Amino acid sequence: MDESGKLVGVIGDEDTVTGFILAGVGHRTVEGQNFLVVKPDTDISVIEETFKSLTERNDIGILLINQHIANDIRHLLRDYTKTIPTVLEIPSKDMPYDPEQDFIMQRVNLMLGGQN
């Protein structure tokens, strides 16, 4: 991919992913796509593999993931140390955002001298 721009990846529920695709974030090639729609019957292993795949791609700059889905793969998020792609947890329509569960907010809090 051209270095002038990187893609945004999305792992989320149907409403979240649909909204981002309608906003122009979706990208699909023969190699794959930059999003995953997670439904209630989606296997955790599929979410884990997609997370690993998207975070290993050179053309992804930011990976957005619904927080309630991030909770299902929290073990991968805790071990993730790369800066690019940056992983950001976002709320969904049905689940509010809880900064106490967000691993980036936990790291920021520790850097600012807060409690773990």
C-alpha atoms as a PDB file:
ATOM      1  CA  MET A   1       0.000   0.000   0.000  1.00  0.00           C
ATOM      2  CA  ASP A   2       1.091   3.548  -0.681  1.00  0.00           C
ATOM      3  CA  GLU A   3       2.778   5.125   2.358  1.00  0.00           C
ATOM      4  CA  SER A   4       0.630   8.240   2.019  1.00  0.00           C
ATOM      5  CA  GLY A   5      -2.257   6.584   3.775  1.00  0.00           C
ATOM      6  CA  LYS A   6      -3.247   3.635   5.866  1.00  0.00           C
ATOM      7  CA  LEU A   7      -6.558   1.930   6.382  1.00  0.00           C
ATOM      8  CA  VAL A   8      -8.769   1.787   9.448  1.00  0.00           C
ATOM      9  CA  GLY A   9      -9.685  -1.749  10.492  1.00  0.00           C
ATOM     10  CA  VAL A  10     -12.911  -2.501  12.362  1.00  0.00           C
ATOM     11  CA  ILE A  11     -13.963  -5.441  14.514  1.00  0.00           C
ATOM     12  CA  GLY A  12     -17.436  -4.862  15.801  1.00  0.00           C
ATOM     13  CA  ASP A  13     -21.095  -5.658  15.925  1.00  0.00           C
ATOM     14  CA  GLU A  14     -23.207  -5.331  12.805  1.00  0.00           C
ATOM     15  CA  ASP A  15     -24.367  -1.767  13.481  1.00  0.00           C
ATOM     16  CA  THR A  16     -20.856  -0.490  14.178  1.00  0.00           C
ATOM     17  CA  VAL A  17     -19.223  -2.134  11.171  1.00  0.00           C
ATOM     18  CA  THR A  18     -22.074  -1.112   8.869  1.00  0.00           C
ATOM     19  CA  GLY A  19     -21.742   2.508   9.984  1.00  0.00           C
ATOM     20  CA  PHE A  20     -18.021   2.566   9.312  1.00  0.00           C
ATOM     21  CA  ILE A  21     -18.424   0.855   5.943  1.00  0.00           C
ATOM     22  CA  LEU A  22     -21.057   3.416   4.946  1.00  0.00           C
ATOM     23  CA  ALA A  23     -18.588   6.124   5.985  1.00  0.00           C
ATOM     24  CA  GLY A  24     -16.070   4.667   3.527  1.00  0.00           C
ATOM     25  CA  VAL A  25     -13.821   2.672   5.839  1.00  0.00           C
ATOM     26  CA  GLY A  26     -14.466  -0.742   4.266  1.00  0.00           C
ATOM     27  CA  HIS A  27     -11.788  -2.196   2.007  1.00  0.00           C
ATOM     28  CA  ARG A  28     -11.983  -5.601   0.352  1.00  0.00           C
ATOM     29  CA  THR A  29      -9.413  -7.271  -1.886  1.00  0.00           C
ATOM     30  CA  VAL A  30      -8.611 -10.831  -2.903  1.00  0.00           C
ATOM     31  CA  GLU A  31      -6.307 -11.026   0.122  1.00  0.00           C
ATOM     32  CA  GLY A  32      -9.138 -10.186   2.507  1.00  0.00           C
ATOM     33  CA  GLN A  33     -10.976  -7.315   4.102  1.00  0.00           C
ATOM     34  CA  ASN A  34     -10.266  -4.805   6.852  1.00  0.00           C
ATOM     35  CA  PHE A  35     -13.350  -5.540   8.954  1.00  0.00           C
ATOM     36  CA  LEU A  36     -15.160  -8.296  10.810  1.00  0.00           C
ATOM     37  CA  VAL A  37     -18.826  -8.305  11.719  1.00  0.00           C
ATOM     38  CA  VAL A  38     -19.144 -10.111  15.051  1.00  0.00           C
ATOM     39  CA  LYS A  39     -22.502 -11.757  15.637  1.00  0.00           C
ATOM     40  CA  PRO A  40     -23.616 -13.542  18.821  1.00  0.00           C
ATOM     41  CA  ASP A  41     -22.686 -16.901  17.282  1.00  0.00           C
ATOM     42  CA  THR A  42     -19.235 -15.801  16.056  1.00  0.00           C
ATOM     43  CA  ASP A  43     -16.559 -18.067  17.480  1.00  0.00           C
ATOM     44  CA  ILE A  44     -13.949 -16.400  19.719  1.00  0.00           C
ATOM     45  CA  SER A  45     -11.229 -18.064  17.617  1.00  0.00           C
ATOM     46  CA  VAL A  46     -12.464 -16.168  14.532  1.00  0.00           C
ATOM     47  CA  ILE A  47     -12.234 -12.870  16.436  1.00  0.00           C
ATOM     48  CA  GLU A  48      -8.752 -13.774  17.682  1.00  0.00           C
ATOM     49  CA  GLU A  49      -7.521 -14.709  14.207  1.00  0.00           C
ATOM     50  CA  THR A  50      -8.955 -11.540  12.685  1.00  0.00           C
ATOM     51  CA  PHE A  51      -7.331  -9.412  15.394  1.00  0.00           C
ATOM     52  CA  LYS A  52      -3.960 -11.079  14.791  1.00  0.00           C
ATOM     53  CA  SER A  53      -4.332 -10.763  11.030  1.00  0.00           C
ATOM     54  CA  LEU A  54      -5.321  -7.089  11.068  1.00  0.00           C
ATOM     55  CA  THR A  55      -2.600  -6.105  13.553  1.00  0.00           C
ATOM     56  CA  GLU A  56       0.054  -7.810  11.401  1.00  0.00           C
ATOM     57  CA  ARG A  57      -0.933  -5.955   8.227  1.00  0.00           C
ATOM     58  CA  ASN A  58       1.265  -3.065   7.102  1.00  0.00           C
ATOM     59  CA  ASP A  59      -1.629  -1.199   5.506  1.00  0.00           C
ATOM     60  CA  ILE A  60      -3.684  -0.845   8.729  1.00  0.00           C
ATOM     61  CA  GLY A  61      -2.989   2.261  10.828  1.00  0.00           C
ATOM     62  CA  ILE A  62      -5.826   2.079  13.345  1.00  0.00           C
ATOM     63  CA  LEU A  63      -7.899  -0.872  14.500  1.00  0.00           C
ATOM     64  CA  LEU A  64     -11.242  -0.027  16.084  1.00  0.00           C
ATOM     65  CA  ILE A  65     -12.881  -2.707  18.207  1.00  0.00           C
ATOM     66  CA  ASN A  66     -16.108  -2.619  20.185  1.00  0.00           C
ATOM     67  CA  GLN A  67     -15.256  -2.789  23.868  1.00  0.00           C
ATOM     68  CA  HIS A  68     -17.592  -5.688  24.614  1.00  0.00           C
ATOM     69  CA  ILE A  69     -15.838  -7.682  21.878  1.00  0.00           C
ATOM     70  CA  ALA A  70     -12.421  -6.574  23.125  1.00  0.00           C
ATOM     71  CA  ASN A  71     -13.356  -8.077  26.487  1.00  0.00           C
ATOM     72  CA  ASP A  72     -13.602 -11.477  24.783  1.00  0.00           C
ATOM     73  CA  ILE A  73      -9.998 -11.227  23.555  1.00  0.00           C
ATOM     74  CA  ARG A  74      -8.595  -9.224  26.461  1.00  0.00           C
ATOM     75  CA  HIS A  75      -5.641 -11.648  26.751  1.00  0.00           C
ATOM     76  CA  LEU A  76      -4.495 -10.647  23.245  1.00  0.00           C
ATOM     77  CA  LEU A  77      -4.955  -6.942  23.940  1.00  0.00           C
ATOM     78  CA  ARG A  78      -2.877  -7.127  27.124  1.00  0.00           C
ATOM     79  CA  ASP A  79      -0.013  -8.702  25.176  1.00  0.00           C
ATOM     80  CA  TYR A  80      -0.259  -6.273  22.248  1.00  0.00           C
ATOM     81  CA  THR A  81       2.582  -3.741  22.408  1.00  0.00           C
ATOM     82  CA  LYS A  82       2.877  -2.278  18.905  1.00  0.00           C
ATOM     83  CA  THR A  83       2.127   1.374  18.275  1.00  0.00           C
ATOM     84  CA  ILE A  84       0.943   0.900  14.685  1.00  0.00           C
ATOM     85  CA  PRO A  85      -1.693  -0.183  14.173  1.00  0.00           C
ATOM     86  CA  THR A  86      -3.113   1.582  17.185  1.00  0.00           C
ATOM     87  CA  VAL A  87      -5.936  -0.388  18.784  1.00  0.00           C
ATOM     88  CA  LEU A  88      -8.810   1.711  20.096  1.00  0.00           C
ATOM     89  CA  GLU A  89     -11.791   0.380  22.000  1.00  0.00           C
ATOM     90  CA  ILE A  90     -15.075   2.056  21.140  1.00  0.00           C
ATOM     91  CA  PRO A  91     -18.600   1.749  22.512  1.00  0.00           C
ATOM     92  CA  SER A  92     -21.408   0.063  20.643  1.00  0.00           C
ATOM     93  CA  LYS A  93     -25.010   1.101  20.351  1.00  0.00           C
ATOM     94  CA  ASP A  94     -26.092  -1.438  22.968  1.00  0.00           C
ATOM     95  CA  MET A  95     -23.074  -1.462  25.281  1.00  0.00           C
ATOM     96  CA  PRO A  96     -21.742   1.677  26.999  1.00  0.00           C
ATOM     97  CA  TYR A  97     -18.040   2.475  27.107  1.00  0.00           C
ATOM     98  CA  ASP A  98     -16.273   1.698  30.390  1.00  0.00           C
ATOM     99  CA  PRO A  99     -12.824   3.344  30.681  1.00  0.00           C
ATOM    100  CA  GLU A 100     -11.996   0.985  33.560  1.00  0.00           C
ATOM    101  CA  GLN A 101     -11.894  -1.915  31.067  1.00  0.00           C
ATOM    102  CA  ASP A 102      -9.965  -0.114  28.295  1.00  0.00           C
ATOM    103  CA  PHE A 103      -6.346  -1.296  28.307  1.00  0.00           C
ATOM    104  CA  ILE A 104      -5.084   1.961  26.781  1.00  0.00           C
ATOM    105  CA  MET A 105      -6.821   4.000  29.463  1.00  0.00           C
ATOM    106  CA  GLN A 106      -5.323   1.673  32.082  1.00  0.00           C
ATOM    107  CA  ARG A 107      -1.832   2.331  30.667  1.00  0.00           C
ATOM    108  CA  VAL A 108      -2.430   6.092  30.566  1.00  0.00           C
ATOM    109  CA  ASN A 109      -3.623   5.984  34.156  1.00  0.00           C
ATOM    110  CA  LEU A 110      -0.474   4.124  35.232  1.00  0.00           C
ATOM    111  CA  MET A 111       1.753   6.632  33.409  1.00  0.00           C
ATOM    112  CA  LEU A 112       0.023   9.485  35.184  1.00  0.00           C
ATOM    113  CA  GLY A 113       0.592   7.864  38.554  1.00  0.00           C
ATOM    114  CA  GLY A 114      -2.869   6.387  39.042  1.00  0.00           C
ATOM    115  CA  GLN A 115      -3.820   3.020  40.399  1.00  0.00           C
ATOM    116  CA  ASN A 116      -3.805  -0.146  38.288  1.00  0.00           C
END
